[in-house]
């Protein structure tokens, strides 16, 4: 039996509208990579103060462990603190 290695995490950020930031995730969000996602969100919220909507799109291979779930909760707290609506879409596997 062989164990497959996790897919590396990719983070793609776009700003489709002046009030919206989109973050697309694909790959493994776990204790080794979740900090990167939280840090990306933190930096984006600082850089885009006029944003009222944050869309977090999780690709089909985004698999989470408890640390990934904790990262999503931290992202929600960051968004709420800045009065930004968080929309989570996709198949997060959590």
PDB file of N, CA and C in Angstrom:
ATOM      1  N   UNK A   1       0.845  -1.174   0.000  1.00  0.00           N
ATOM      2  CA  UNK A   1       0.000   0.000   0.000  1.00  0.00           C
ATOM      3  C   UNK A   1       0.890   1.236   0.000  1.00  0.00           C
ATOM      4  N   UNK A   2       0.629   2.147  -0.910  1.00  0.00           N
ATOM      5  CA  UNK A   2       1.428   3.367  -0.978  1.00  0.00           C
ATOM      6  C   UNK A   2       0.600   4.536  -0.494  1.00  0.00           C
ATOM      7  N   UNK A   3       1.286   5.452   0.104  1.00  0.00           N
ATOM      8  CA  UNK A   3       0.635   6.656   0.599  1.00  0.00           C
ATOM      9  C   UNK A   3       0.901   7.785  -0.375  1.00  0.00           C
ATOM     10  N   UNK A   4      -0.137   8.459  -0.790  1.00  0.00           N
ATOM     11  CA  UNK A   4       0.066   9.575  -1.704  1.00  0.00           C
ATOM     12  C   UNK A   4       0.388  10.820  -0.902  1.00  0.00           C
ATOM     13  N   UNK A   5       1.290  11.611  -1.428  1.00  0.00           N
ATOM     14  CA  UNK A   5       1.638  12.851  -0.732  1.00  0.00           C
ATOM     15  C   UNK A   5       0.552  13.883  -1.018  1.00  0.00           C
ATOM     16  N   UNK A   6       0.342  14.789  -0.069  1.00  0.00           N
ATOM     17  CA  UNK A   6      -0.704  15.798  -0.264  1.00  0.00           C
ATOM     18  C   UNK A   6      -0.345  16.755  -1.396  1.00  0.00           C
ATOM     19  N   UNK A   7      -1.373  17.263  -2.039  1.00  0.00           N
ATOM     20  CA  UNK A   7      -1.160  18.260  -3.075  1.00  0.00           C
ATOM     21  C   UNK A   7      -0.673  19.546  -2.431  1.00  0.00           C
ATOM     22  N   UNK A   8       0.310  20.210  -3.044  1.00  0.00           N
ATOM     23  CA  UNK A   8       0.758  21.491  -2.477  1.00  0.00           C
ATOM     24  C   UNK A   8      -0.378  22.515  -2.553  1.00  0.00           C
ATOM     25  N   UNK A   9      -0.392  23.395  -1.593  1.00  0.00           N
ATOM     26  CA  UNK A   9      -1.428  24.427  -1.537  1.00  0.00           C
ATOM     27  C   UNK A   9      -1.107  25.533  -2.528  1.00  0.00           C
ATOM     28  N   UNK A  10      -2.111  25.924  -3.307  1.00  0.00           N
ATOM     29  CA  UNK A  10      -1.984  27.106  -4.157  1.00  0.00           C
ATOM     30  C   UNK A  10      -3.034  28.110  -3.715  1.00  0.00           C
ATOM     31  N   UNK A  11      -2.634  29.373  -3.707  1.00  0.00           N
ATOM     32  CA  UNK A  11      -3.517  30.471  -3.311  1.00  0.00           C
ATOM     33  C   UNK A  11      -3.511  31.481  -4.449  1.00  0.00           C
ATOM     34  N   UNK A  12      -4.681  31.742  -5.008  1.00  0.00           N
ATOM     35  CA  UNK A  12      -4.817  32.719  -6.087  1.00  0.00           C
ATOM     36  C   UNK A  12      -5.771  33.803  -5.616  1.00  0.00           C
ATOM     37  N   UNK A  13      -5.309  35.048  -5.675  1.00  0.00           N
ATOM     38  CA  UNK A  13      -6.106  36.186  -5.211  1.00  0.00           C
ATOM     39  C   UNK A  13      -6.503  37.042  -6.400  1.00  0.00           C
ATOM     40  N   UNK A  14      -7.784  37.405  -6.457  1.00  0.00           N
ATOM     41  CA  UNK A  14      -8.269  38.328  -7.485  1.00  0.00           C
ATOM     42  C   UNK A  14      -9.192  39.348  -6.820  1.00  0.00           C
ATOM     43  N   UNK A  15      -9.363  40.461  -7.495  1.00  0.00           N
ATOM     44  CA  UNK A  15     -10.302  41.492  -7.034  1.00  0.00           C
ATOM     45  C   UNK A  15     -11.253  41.784  -8.189  1.00  0.00           C
ATOM     46  N   UNK A  16     -12.307  40.982  -8.329  1.00  0.00           N
ATOM     47  CA  UNK A  16     -13.222  41.128  -9.464  1.00  0.00           C
ATOM     48  C   UNK A  16     -14.038  42.422  -9.430  1.00  0.00           C
ATOM     49  N   UNK A  17     -14.248  42.943  -8.234  1.00  0.00           N
ATOM     50  CA  UNK A  17     -14.974  44.203  -8.059  1.00  0.00           C
ATOM     51  C   UNK A  17     -14.262  44.989  -6.966  1.00  0.00           C
ATOM     52  N   UNK A  18     -14.487  46.268  -6.924  1.00  0.00           N
ATOM     53  CA  UNK A  18     -13.788  47.105  -5.947  1.00  0.00           C
ATOM     54  C   UNK A  18     -14.152  46.760  -4.503  1.00  0.00           C
ATOM     55  N   UNK A  19     -15.315  46.141  -4.303  1.00  0.00           N
ATOM     56  CA  UNK A  19     -15.742  45.812  -2.946  1.00  0.00           C
ATOM     57  C   UNK A  19     -15.495  44.353  -2.576  1.00  0.00           C
ATOM     58  N   UNK A  20     -14.881  43.578  -3.481  1.00  0.00           N
ATOM     59  CA  UNK A  20     -14.748  42.137  -3.283  1.00  0.00           C
ATOM     60  C   UNK A  20     -13.320  41.658  -3.530  1.00  0.00           C
ATOM     61  N   UNK A  21     -12.870  40.791  -2.642  1.00  0.00           N
ATOM     62  CA  UNK A  21     -11.614  40.074  -2.841  1.00  0.00           C
ATOM     63  C   UNK A  21     -11.952  38.589  -2.882  1.00  0.00           C
ATOM     64  N   UNK A  22     -11.423  37.895  -3.893  1.00  0.00           N
ATOM     65  CA  UNK A  22     -11.617  36.454  -4.004  1.00  0.00           C
ATOM     66  C   UNK A  22     -10.295  35.757  -3.734  1.00  0.00           C
ATOM     67  N   UNK A  23     -10.359  34.686  -2.960  1.00  0.00           N
ATOM     68  CA  UNK A  23      -9.197  33.843  -2.729  1.00  0.00           C
ATOM     69  C   UNK A  23      -9.587  32.436  -3.140  1.00  0.00           C
ATOM     70  N   UNK A  24      -8.832  31.873  -4.077  1.00  0.00           N
ATOM     71  CA  UNK A  24      -9.076  30.501  -4.534  1.00  0.00           C
ATOM     72  C   UNK A  24      -7.985  29.607  -3.980  1.00  0.00           C
ATOM     73  N   UNK A  25      -8.416  28.551  -3.301  1.00  0.00           N
ATOM     74  CA  UNK A  25      -7.485  27.604  -2.697  1.00  0.00           C
ATOM     75  C   UNK A  25      -7.592  26.264  -3.390  1.00  0.00           C
ATOM     76  N   UNK A  26      -6.461  25.646  -3.594  1.00  0.00           N
ATOM     77  CA  UNK A  26      -6.455  24.288  -4.103  1.00  0.00           C
ATOM     78  C   UNK A  26      -5.248  23.589  -3.495  1.00  0.00           C
ATOM     79  N   UNK A  27      -5.431  22.384  -3.051  1.00  0.00           N
ATOM     80  CA  UNK A  27      -4.358  21.631  -2.416  1.00  0.00           C
ATOM     81  C   UNK A  27      -4.674  21.362  -0.958  1.00  0.00           C
ATOM     82  N   UNK A  28      -3.655  21.027  -0.219  1.00  0.00           N
ATOM     83  CA  UNK A  28      -3.809  20.621   1.177  1.00  0.00           C
ATOM     84  C   UNK A  28      -3.716  21.812   2.120  1.00  0.00           C
ATOM     85  N   UNK A  29      -4.771  22.047   2.893  1.00  0.00           N
ATOM     86  CA  UNK A  29      -4.727  23.072   3.938  1.00  0.00           C
ATOM     87  C   UNK A  29      -4.694  22.337   5.268  1.00  0.00           C
ATOM     88  N   UNK A  30      -3.491  22.286   5.857  1.00  0.00           N
ATOM     89  CA  UNK A  30      -3.304  21.568   7.108  1.00  0.00           C
ATOM     90  C   UNK A  30      -2.437  22.401   8.039  1.00  0.00           C
ATOM     91  N   UNK A  31      -1.871  21.776   9.048  1.00  0.00           N
ATOM     92  CA  UNK A  31      -1.079  22.531  10.021  1.00  0.00           C
ATOM     93  C   UNK A  31       0.170  23.148   9.410  1.00  0.00           C
ATOM     94  N   UNK A  32       0.610  22.649   8.269  1.00  0.00           N
ATOM     95  CA  UNK A  32       1.792  23.217   7.623  1.00  0.00           C
ATOM     96  C   UNK A  32       1.467  24.370   6.678  1.00  0.00           C
ATOM     97  N   UNK A  33       0.234  24.453   6.224  1.00  0.00           N
ATOM     98  CA  UNK A  33      -0.102  25.470   5.219  1.00  0.00           C
ATOM     99  C   UNK A  33      -1.205  26.441   5.640  1.00  0.00           C
ATOM    100  N   UNK A  34      -1.965  26.111   6.654  1.00  0.00           N
ATOM    101  CA  UNK A  34      -3.094  26.960   7.022  1.00  0.00           C
ATOM    102  C   UNK A  34      -2.658  28.348   7.472  1.00  0.00           C
ATOM    103  N   UNK A  35      -1.477  28.439   8.107  1.00  0.00           N
ATOM    104  CA  UNK A  35      -0.985  29.762   8.523  1.00  0.00           C
ATOM    105  C   UNK A  35      -0.825  30.677   7.319  1.00  0.00           C
ATOM    106  N   UNK A  36      -0.435  30.099   6.189  1.00  0.00           N
ATOM    107  CA  UNK A  36      -0.231  30.886   4.972  1.00  0.00           C
ATOM    108  C   UNK A  36      -1.545  31.495   4.490  1.00  0.00           C
ATOM    109  N   UNK A  37      -2.622  30.733   4.579  1.00  0.00           N
ATOM    110  CA  UNK A  37      -3.939  31.218   4.169  1.00  0.00           C
ATOM    111  C   UNK A  37      -4.395  32.343   5.101  1.00  0.00           C
ATOM    112  N   UNK A  38      -4.266  32.135   6.409  1.00  0.00           N
ATOM    113  CA  UNK A  38      -4.674  33.155   7.379  1.00  0.00           C
ATOM    114  C   UNK A  38      -3.853  34.425   7.178  1.00  0.00           C
ATOM    115  N   UNK A  39      -2.548  34.275   6.979  1.00  0.00           N
ATOM    116  CA  UNK A  39      -1.691  35.442   6.778  1.00  0.00           C
ATOM    117  C   UNK A  39      -2.062  36.183   5.493  1.00  0.00           C
ATOM    118  N   UNK A  40      -2.406  35.453   4.445  1.00  0.00           N
ATOM    119  CA  UNK A  40      -2.830  36.077   3.190  1.00  0.00           C
ATOM    120  C   UNK A  40      -4.089  36.908   3.411  1.00  0.00           C
ATOM    121  N   UNK A  41      -5.057  36.331   4.119  1.00  0.00           N
ATOM    122  CA  UNK A  41      -6.299  37.061   4.398  1.00  0.00           C
ATOM    123  C   UNK A  41      -6.008  38.306   5.232  1.00  0.00           C
ATOM    124  N   UNK A  42      -5.189  38.158   6.255  1.00  0.00           N
ATOM    125  CA  UNK A  42      -4.851  39.295   7.115  1.00  0.00           C
ATOM    126  C   UNK A  42      -4.235  40.433   6.296  1.00  0.00           C
ATOM    127  N   UNK A  43      -3.293  40.105   5.425  1.00  0.00           N
ATOM    128  CA  UNK A  43      -2.642  41.117   4.591  1.00  0.00           C
ATOM    129  C   UNK A  43      -3.622  41.752   3.608  1.00  0.00           C
ATOM    130  N   UNK A  44      -4.488  40.949   3.022  1.00  0.00           N
ATOM    131  CA  UNK A  44      -5.466  41.486   2.068  1.00  0.00           C
ATOM    132  C   UNK A  44      -6.444  42.437   2.738  1.00  0.00           C
ATOM    133  N   UNK A  45      -6.899  42.086   3.923  1.00  0.00           N
ATOM    134  CA  UNK A  45      -7.838  42.963   4.621  1.00  0.00           C
ATOM    135  C   UNK A  45      -7.184  44.286   4.998  1.00  0.00           C
ATOM    136  N   UNK A  46      -5.896  44.259   5.301  1.00  0.00           N
ATOM    137  CA  UNK A  46      -5.174  45.509   5.578  1.00  0.00           C
ATOM    138  C   UNK A  46      -5.006  46.339   4.311  1.00  0.00           C
ATOM    139  N   UNK A  47      -4.696  45.688   3.208  1.00  0.00           N
ATOM    140  CA  UNK A  47      -4.412  46.387   1.952  1.00  0.00           C
ATOM    141  C   UNK A  47      -5.665  46.902   1.258  1.00  0.00           C
ATOM    142  N   UNK A  48      -6.804  46.256   1.499  1.00  0.00           N
ATOM    143  CA  UNK A  48      -8.056  46.600   0.818  1.00  0.00           C
ATOM    144  C   UNK A  48      -9.104  47.006   1.855  1.00  0.00           C
ATOM    145  N   UNK A  49      -8.914  48.147   2.470  1.00  0.00           N
ATOM    146  CA  UNK A  49      -9.801  48.599   3.550  1.00  0.00           C
ATOM    147  C   UNK A  49     -11.241  48.819   3.090  1.00  0.00           C
ATOM    148  N   UNK A  50     -11.489  49.091   1.814  1.00  0.00           N
ATOM    149  CA  UNK A  50     -12.843  49.339   1.334  1.00  0.00           C
ATOM    150  C   UNK A  50     -13.616  48.085   0.987  1.00  0.00           C
ATOM    151  N   UNK A  51     -13.013  46.933   1.159  1.00  0.00           N
ATOM    152  CA  UNK A  51     -13.654  45.672   0.801  1.00  0.00           C
ATOM    153  C   UNK A  51     -14.775  45.356   1.779  1.00  0.00           C
ATOM    154  N   UNK A  52     -15.907  44.921   1.239  1.00  0.00           N
ATOM    155  CA  UNK A  52     -17.021  44.531   2.100  1.00  0.00           C
ATOM    156  C   UNK A  52     -17.360  43.046   1.957  1.00  0.00           C
ATOM    157  N   UNK A  53     -16.660  42.359   1.031  1.00  0.00           N
ATOM    158  CA  UNK A  53     -16.961  40.948   0.777  1.00  0.00           C
ATOM    159  C   UNK A  53     -15.661  40.196   0.505  1.00  0.00           C
ATOM    160  N   UNK A  54     -15.486  39.082   1.189  1.00  0.00           N
ATOM    161  CA  UNK A  54     -14.349  38.195   0.985  1.00  0.00           C
ATOM    162  C   UNK A  54     -14.894  36.841   0.577  1.00  0.00           C
ATOM    163  N   UNK A  55     -14.540  36.399  -0.615  1.00  0.00           N
ATOM    164  CA  UNK A  55     -14.998  35.099  -1.103  1.00  0.00           C
ATOM    165  C   UNK A  55     -13.828  34.127  -1.039  1.00  0.00           C
ATOM    166  N   UNK A  56     -14.006  33.050  -0.311  1.00  0.00           N
ATOM    167  CA  UNK A  56     -12.989  32.031  -0.163  1.00  0.00           C
ATOM    168  C   UNK A  56     -13.482  30.787  -0.886  1.00  0.00           C
ATOM    169  N   UNK A  57     -12.868  30.502  -2.030  1.00  0.00           N
ATOM    170  CA  UNK A  57     -13.269  29.367  -2.870  1.00  0.00           C
ATOM    171  C   UNK A  57     -12.310  28.214  -2.615  1.00  0.00           C
ATOM    172  N   UNK A  58     -12.839  27.098  -2.153  1.00  0.00           N
ATOM    173  CA  UNK A  58     -12.026  25.925  -1.861  1.00  0.00           C
ATOM    174  C   UNK A  58     -12.201  24.908  -2.975  1.00  0.00           C
ATOM    175  N   UNK A  59     -11.112  24.585  -3.641  1.00  0.00           N
ATOM    176  CA  UNK A  59     -11.144  23.620  -4.729  1.00  0.00           C
ATOM    177  C   UNK A  59     -11.452  22.220  -4.232  1.00  0.00           C
ATOM    178  N   UNK A  60     -11.740  21.312  -5.146  1.00  0.00           N
ATOM    179  CA  UNK A  60     -12.165  19.964  -4.764  1.00  0.00           C
ATOM    180  C   UNK A  60     -11.096  19.176  -4.018  1.00  0.00           C
ATOM    181  N   UNK A  61      -9.834  19.548  -4.159  1.00  0.00           N
ATOM    182  CA  UNK A  61      -8.809  18.778  -3.461  1.00  0.00           C
ATOM    183  C   UNK A  61      -8.359  19.425  -2.164  1.00  0.00           C
ATOM    184  N   UNK A  62      -9.034  20.503  -1.752  1.00  0.00           N
ATOM    185  CA  UNK A  62      -8.687  21.112  -0.465  1.00  0.00           C
ATOM    186  C   UNK A  62      -9.200  20.182   0.627  1.00  0.00           C
ATOM    187  N   UNK A  63      -8.270  19.593   1.331  1.00  0.00           N
ATOM    188  CA  UNK A  63      -8.628  18.704   2.434  1.00  0.00           C
ATOM    189  C   UNK A  63      -8.148  19.348   3.707  1.00  0.00           C
ATOM    190  N   UNK A  64      -8.961  19.320   4.705  1.00  0.00           N
ATOM    191  CA  UNK A  64      -8.582  19.988   5.941  1.00  0.00           C
ATOM    192  C   UNK A  64      -8.520  19.035   7.112  1.00  0.00           C
ATOM    193  N   UNK A  65      -7.624  19.335   8.004  1.00  0.00           N
ATOM    194  CA  UNK A  65      -7.592  18.659   9.287  1.00  0.00           C
ATOM    195  C   UNK A  65      -8.099  19.666  10.314  1.00  0.00           C
ATOM    196  N   UNK A  66      -8.069  19.357  11.587  1.00  0.00           N
ATOM    197  CA  UNK A  66      -8.566  20.325  12.570  1.00  0.00           C
ATOM    198  C   UNK A  66      -7.862  21.684  12.493  1.00  0.00           C
ATOM    199  N   UNK A  67      -6.597  21.694  12.097  1.00  0.00           N
ATOM    200  CA  UNK A  67      -5.886  22.962  11.965  1.00  0.00           C
ATOM    201  C   UNK A  67      -6.450  23.772  10.809  1.00  0.00           C
ATOM    202  N   UNK A  68      -6.846  23.108   9.718  1.00  0.00           N
ATOM    203  CA  UNK A  68      -7.483  23.799   8.599  1.00  0.00           C
ATOM    204  C   UNK A  68      -8.806  24.406   9.010  1.00  0.00           C
ATOM    205  N   UNK A  69      -9.574  23.665   9.810  1.00  0.00           N
ATOM    206  CA  UNK A  69     -10.843  24.196  10.312  1.00  0.00           C
ATOM    207  C   UNK A  69     -10.596  25.398  11.219  1.00  0.00           C
ATOM    208  N   UNK A  70      -9.576  25.310  12.068  1.00  0.00           N
ATOM    209  CA  UNK A  70      -9.231  26.437  12.939  1.00  0.00           C
ATOM    210  C   UNK A  70      -8.840  27.655  12.107  1.00  0.00           C
ATOM    211  N   UNK A  71      -8.155  27.431  10.984  1.00  0.00           N
ATOM    212  CA  UNK A  71      -7.779  28.540  10.101  1.00  0.00           C
ATOM    213  C   UNK A  71      -9.014  29.207   9.519  1.00  0.00           C
ATOM    214  N   UNK A  72     -10.005  28.408   9.116  1.00  0.00           N
ATOM    215  CA  UNK A  72     -11.237  28.986   8.589  1.00  0.00           C
ATOM    216  C   UNK A  72     -11.962  29.803   9.655  1.00  0.00           C
ATOM    217  N   UNK A  73     -11.948  29.335  10.880  1.00  0.00           N
ATOM    218  CA  UNK A  73     -12.569  30.096  11.961  1.00  0.00           C
ATOM    219  C   UNK A  73     -11.820  31.405  12.216  1.00  0.00           C
ATOM    220  N   UNK A  74     -10.500  31.372  12.138  1.00  0.00           N
ATOM    221  CA  UNK A  74      -9.708  32.594  12.312  1.00  0.00           C
ATOM    222  C   UNK A  74      -9.996  33.569  11.176  1.00  0.00           C
ATOM    223  N   UNK A  75     -10.129  33.064   9.972  1.00  0.00           N
ATOM    224  CA  UNK A  75     -10.457  33.929   8.826  1.00  0.00           C
ATOM    225  C   UNK A  75     -11.816  34.579   9.046  1.00  0.00           C
ATOM    226  N   UNK A  76     -12.768  33.814   9.556  1.00  0.00           N
ATOM    227  CA  UNK A  76     -14.088  34.380   9.848  1.00  0.00           C
ATOM    228  C   UNK A  76     -13.980  35.501  10.878  1.00  0.00           C
ATOM    229  N   UNK A  77     -13.171  35.289  11.905  1.00  0.00           N
ATOM    230  CA  UNK A  77     -12.991  36.326  12.928  1.00  0.00           C
ATOM    231  C   UNK A  77     -12.333  37.576  12.355  1.00  0.00           C
ATOM    232  N   UNK A  78     -11.334  37.386  11.498  1.00  0.00           N
ATOM    233  CA  UNK A  78     -10.671  38.534  10.867  1.00  0.00           C
ATOM    234  C   UNK A  78     -11.658  39.325  10.017  1.00  0.00           C
ATOM    235  N   UNK A  79     -12.481  38.606   9.249  1.00  0.00           N
ATOM    236  CA  UNK A  79     -13.472  39.274   8.402  1.00  0.00           C
ATOM    237  C   UNK A  79     -14.494  40.023   9.246  1.00  0.00           C
ATOM    238  N   UNK A  80     -14.994  39.373  10.297  1.00  0.00           N
ATOM    239  CA  UNK A  80     -15.975  40.028  11.163  1.00  0.00           C
ATOM    240  C   UNK A  80     -15.398  41.268  11.829  1.00  0.00           C
ATOM    241  N   UNK A  81     -14.153  41.204  12.240  1.00  0.00           N
ATOM    242  CA  UNK A  81     -13.518  42.353  12.903  1.00  0.00           C
ATOM    243  C   UNK A  81     -13.431  43.560  11.981  1.00  0.00           C
ATOM    244  N   UNK A  82     -13.327  43.302  10.670  1.00  0.00           N
ATOM    245  CA  UNK A  82     -13.265  44.387   9.693  1.00  0.00           C
ATOM    246  C   UNK A  82     -14.612  44.641   9.032  1.00  0.00           C
ATOM    247  N   UNK A  83     -15.687  44.036   9.556  1.00  0.00           N
ATOM    248  CA  UNK A  83     -17.036  44.191   9.024  1.00  0.00           C
ATOM    249  C   UNK A  83     -17.104  43.781   7.553  1.00  0.00           C
ATOM    250  N   UNK A  84     -16.470  42.656   7.247  1.00  0.00           N
ATOM    251  CA  UNK A  84     -16.429  42.117   5.889  1.00  0.00           C
ATOM    252  C   UNK A  84     -17.231  40.819   5.876  1.00  0.00           C
ATOM    253  N   UNK A  85     -18.123  40.689   4.888  1.00  0.00           N
ATOM    254  CA  UNK A  85     -18.894  39.460   4.736  1.00  0.00           C
ATOM    255  C   UNK A  85     -17.988  38.379   4.163  1.00  0.00           C
ATOM    256  N   UNK A  86     -17.982  37.199   4.790  1.00  0.00           N
ATOM    257  CA  UNK A  86     -17.202  36.066   4.321  1.00  0.00           C
ATOM    258  C   UNK A  86     -18.122  35.074   3.642  1.00  0.00           C
ATOM    259  N   UNK A  87     -17.762  34.696   2.417  1.00  0.00           N
ATOM    260  CA  UNK A  87     -18.524  33.699   1.661  1.00  0.00           C
ATOM    261  C   UNK A  87     -17.568  32.543   1.386  1.00  0.00           C
ATOM    262  N   UNK A  88     -17.932  31.370   1.873  1.00  0.00           N
ATOM    263  CA  UNK A  88     -17.127  30.167   1.668  1.00  0.00           C
ATOM    264  C   UNK A  88     -17.827  29.292   0.644  1.00  0.00           C
ATOM    265  N   UNK A  89     -17.117  28.962  -0.430  1.00  0.00           N
ATOM    266  CA  UNK A  89     -17.705  28.135  -1.473  1.00  0.00           C
ATOM    267  C   UNK A  89     -16.774  26.986  -1.803  1.00  0.00           C
ATOM    268  N   UNK A  90     -17.313  25.995  -2.474  1.00  0.00           N
ATOM    269  CA  UNK A  90     -16.509  24.859  -2.928  1.00  0.00           C
ATOM    270  C   UNK A  90     -16.645  23.667  -2.017  1.00  0.00           C
ATOM    271  N   UNK A  91     -15.717  22.779  -2.189  1.00  0.00           N
ATOM    272  CA  UNK A  91     -15.746  21.504  -1.473  1.00  0.00           C
ATOM    273  C   UNK A  91     -14.550  21.443  -0.533  1.00  0.00           C
ATOM    274  N   UNK A  92     -14.664  22.038   0.606  1.00  0.00           N
ATOM    275  CA  UNK A  92     -13.534  22.168   1.524  1.00  0.00           C
ATOM    276  C   UNK A  92     -13.119  20.845   2.160  1.00  0.00           C
ATOM    277  N   UNK A  93     -13.907  19.832   2.100  1.00  0.00           N
ATOM    278  CA  UNK A  93     -13.544  18.553   2.664  1.00  0.00           C
ATOM    279  C   UNK A  93     -13.379  18.584   4.178  1.00  0.00           C
ATOM    280  N   UNK A  94     -13.976  19.571   4.803  1.00  0.00           N
ATOM    281  CA  UNK A  94     -13.852  19.685   6.260  1.00  0.00           C
ATOM    282  C   UNK A  94     -15.051  19.080   6.945  1.00  0.00           C
TER     283      UNK A  94
END
